[in-house]
Amino acid sequence: MNTNDEPTPSFESIDAHIYQVPWPDVLALNIIDNPSDRLPFLIAIFGLTRPMLLAMTNNPMIPETWQAAIDLLLVTLDVVTGEGGGGVEGPKLSVC
C-alpha cells in the first residue's frame, strides 16, 4: 500500500486547506496535561499536514529514499487515523 495513486495536491489546495483549520479548537487540546487529548491532537495535526506530506512524496527535488520514508509515514498514519483511503476508521475530529 502506498500513496502513489493519489494526485499530488497543488500549492493552492494545500494553502486553502491550511486556512480552513479552526486553530482555536486545535490549540485548545492540552496534550501535556491530558494524555487523552494526544490521539485527537495527532489526528488533527495529521489531517492538517497530510496534503503537504503527500506533495513531498511526488517532489523530484526530494530524494527517493526520503519520499519512501514519508510515504511509509503517510500510510501508517492513514491506517491509524482512518484518513486517505486506508480503509480503517479511527476517531475523527471536526477540526480538520
Protein backbone atom coordinates (compact mmCIF):
# COMPACT_ATOMS: atom_id res chain seq x y z
CA MET A 1 0.00 0.00 0.00
CA ASN A 2 1.31 3.45 -0.86
CA THR A 3 0.08 6.92 -1.72
CA ASN A 4 1.39 6.91 -5.30
CA ASP A 5 -2.13 6.53 -6.71
CA GLU A 6 -3.28 9.81 -5.18
CA PRO A 7 -2.95 13.03 -7.17
CA THR A 8 -0.36 15.47 -5.90
CA PRO A 9 -2.08 18.40 -4.16
CA SER A 10 -1.42 21.81 -5.64
CA PHE A 11 0.05 24.70 -3.70
CA GLU A 12 -3.34 26.42 -3.89
CA SER A 13 -5.23 23.44 -2.47
CA ILE A 14 -2.70 23.00 0.35
CA ASP A 15 -2.83 26.71 1.19
CA ALA A 16 -6.65 26.71 1.18
CA HIS A 17 -6.63 23.64 3.43
CA ILE A 18 -4.40 25.40 5.99
CA TYR A 19 -6.73 28.40 6.16
CA GLN A 20 -9.77 26.19 6.81
CA VAL A 21 -8.37 24.87 10.08
CA PRO A 22 -10.14 26.20 13.19
CA TRP A 23 -6.91 26.92 15.04
CA PRO A 24 -8.51 27.73 18.43
CA ASP A 25 -10.05 24.23 18.52
CA VAL A 26 -6.77 22.54 17.61
CA LEU A 27 -4.70 24.61 20.01
CA ALA A 28 -7.21 24.09 22.84
CA LEU A 29 -6.24 20.43 23.04
CA ASN A 30 -3.91 20.08 26.01
CA ILE A 31 -1.55 17.26 25.13
CA ILE A 32 0.80 17.91 28.05
CA ASP A 33 -1.63 17.67 30.95
CA ASN A 34 -4.30 15.49 29.32
CA PRO A 35 -2.97 12.31 27.76
CA SER A 36 -6.46 11.63 26.39
CA ASP A 37 -6.00 14.65 24.07
CA ARG A 38 -2.89 13.19 22.45
CA LEU A 39 -4.56 10.95 19.86
CA PRO A 40 -7.14 13.59 18.84
CA PHE A 41 -4.28 16.11 18.52
CA LEU A 42 -2.24 13.70 16.39
CA ILE A 43 -5.25 13.09 14.16
CA ALA A 44 -5.91 16.82 13.82
CA ILE A 45 -2.29 17.66 13.01
CA PHE A 46 -2.04 14.77 10.57
CA GLY A 47 -5.21 15.95 8.84
CA LEU A 48 -3.65 19.38 8.58
CA THR A 49 -0.26 18.25 7.27
CA ARG A 50 -1.30 15.28 5.11
CA PRO A 51 -1.61 17.30 1.86
CA MET A 52 1.87 18.76 2.39
CA LEU A 53 3.36 15.33 3.11
CA LEU A 54 1.60 13.88 0.08
CA ALA A 55 3.04 16.62 -2.12
CA MET A 56 6.52 15.81 -0.80
CA THR A 57 6.20 12.16 -1.88
CA ASN A 58 5.98 13.30 -5.51
CA ASN A 59 8.53 16.12 -5.48
CA PRO A 60 11.54 15.37 -7.70
CA MET A 61 13.74 17.63 -5.54
CA ILE A 62 13.30 15.27 -2.58
CA PRO A 63 15.46 12.10 -2.71
CA GLU A 64 13.54 8.91 -3.47
CA THR A 65 14.54 7.31 -0.17
CA TRP A 66 13.14 10.31 1.69
CA GLN A 67 9.97 10.10 -0.39
CA ALA A 68 9.65 6.43 0.54
CA ALA A 69 10.02 7.25 4.25
CA ILE A 70 7.38 9.98 4.01
CA ASP A 71 5.11 7.60 2.10
CA LEU A 72 5.50 4.99 4.84
CA LEU A 73 4.62 7.58 7.47
CA LEU A 74 1.55 8.61 5.45
CA VAL A 75 0.32 5.05 5.01
CA THR A 76 0.87 4.24 8.69
CA LEU A 77 -0.94 7.35 9.90
CA ASP A 78 -3.70 6.81 7.31
CA VAL A 79 -4.40 3.44 8.93
CA VAL A 80 -4.19 4.81 12.48
CA THR A 81 -6.42 7.82 11.77
CA GLY A 82 -8.73 6.42 9.09
CA GLU A 83 -7.63 9.13 6.64
CA GLY A 84 -6.79 8.84 2.97
CA GLY A 85 -8.30 5.54 1.92
CA GLY A 86 -6.51 3.32 4.41
CA GLY A 87 -9.83 1.55 4.90
CA VAL A 88 -9.65 1.62 8.70
CA GLU A 89 -11.85 4.07 10.53
CA GLY A 90 -10.34 5.76 13.53
CA PRO A 91 -11.59 8.55 15.78
CA LYS A 92 -12.31 11.78 13.94
CA LEU A 93 -12.17 15.40 15.00
CA SER A 94 -14.22 18.09 13.36
CA VAL A 95 -11.19 20.40 13.30
CA CYS A 96 -9.66 19.05 10.10
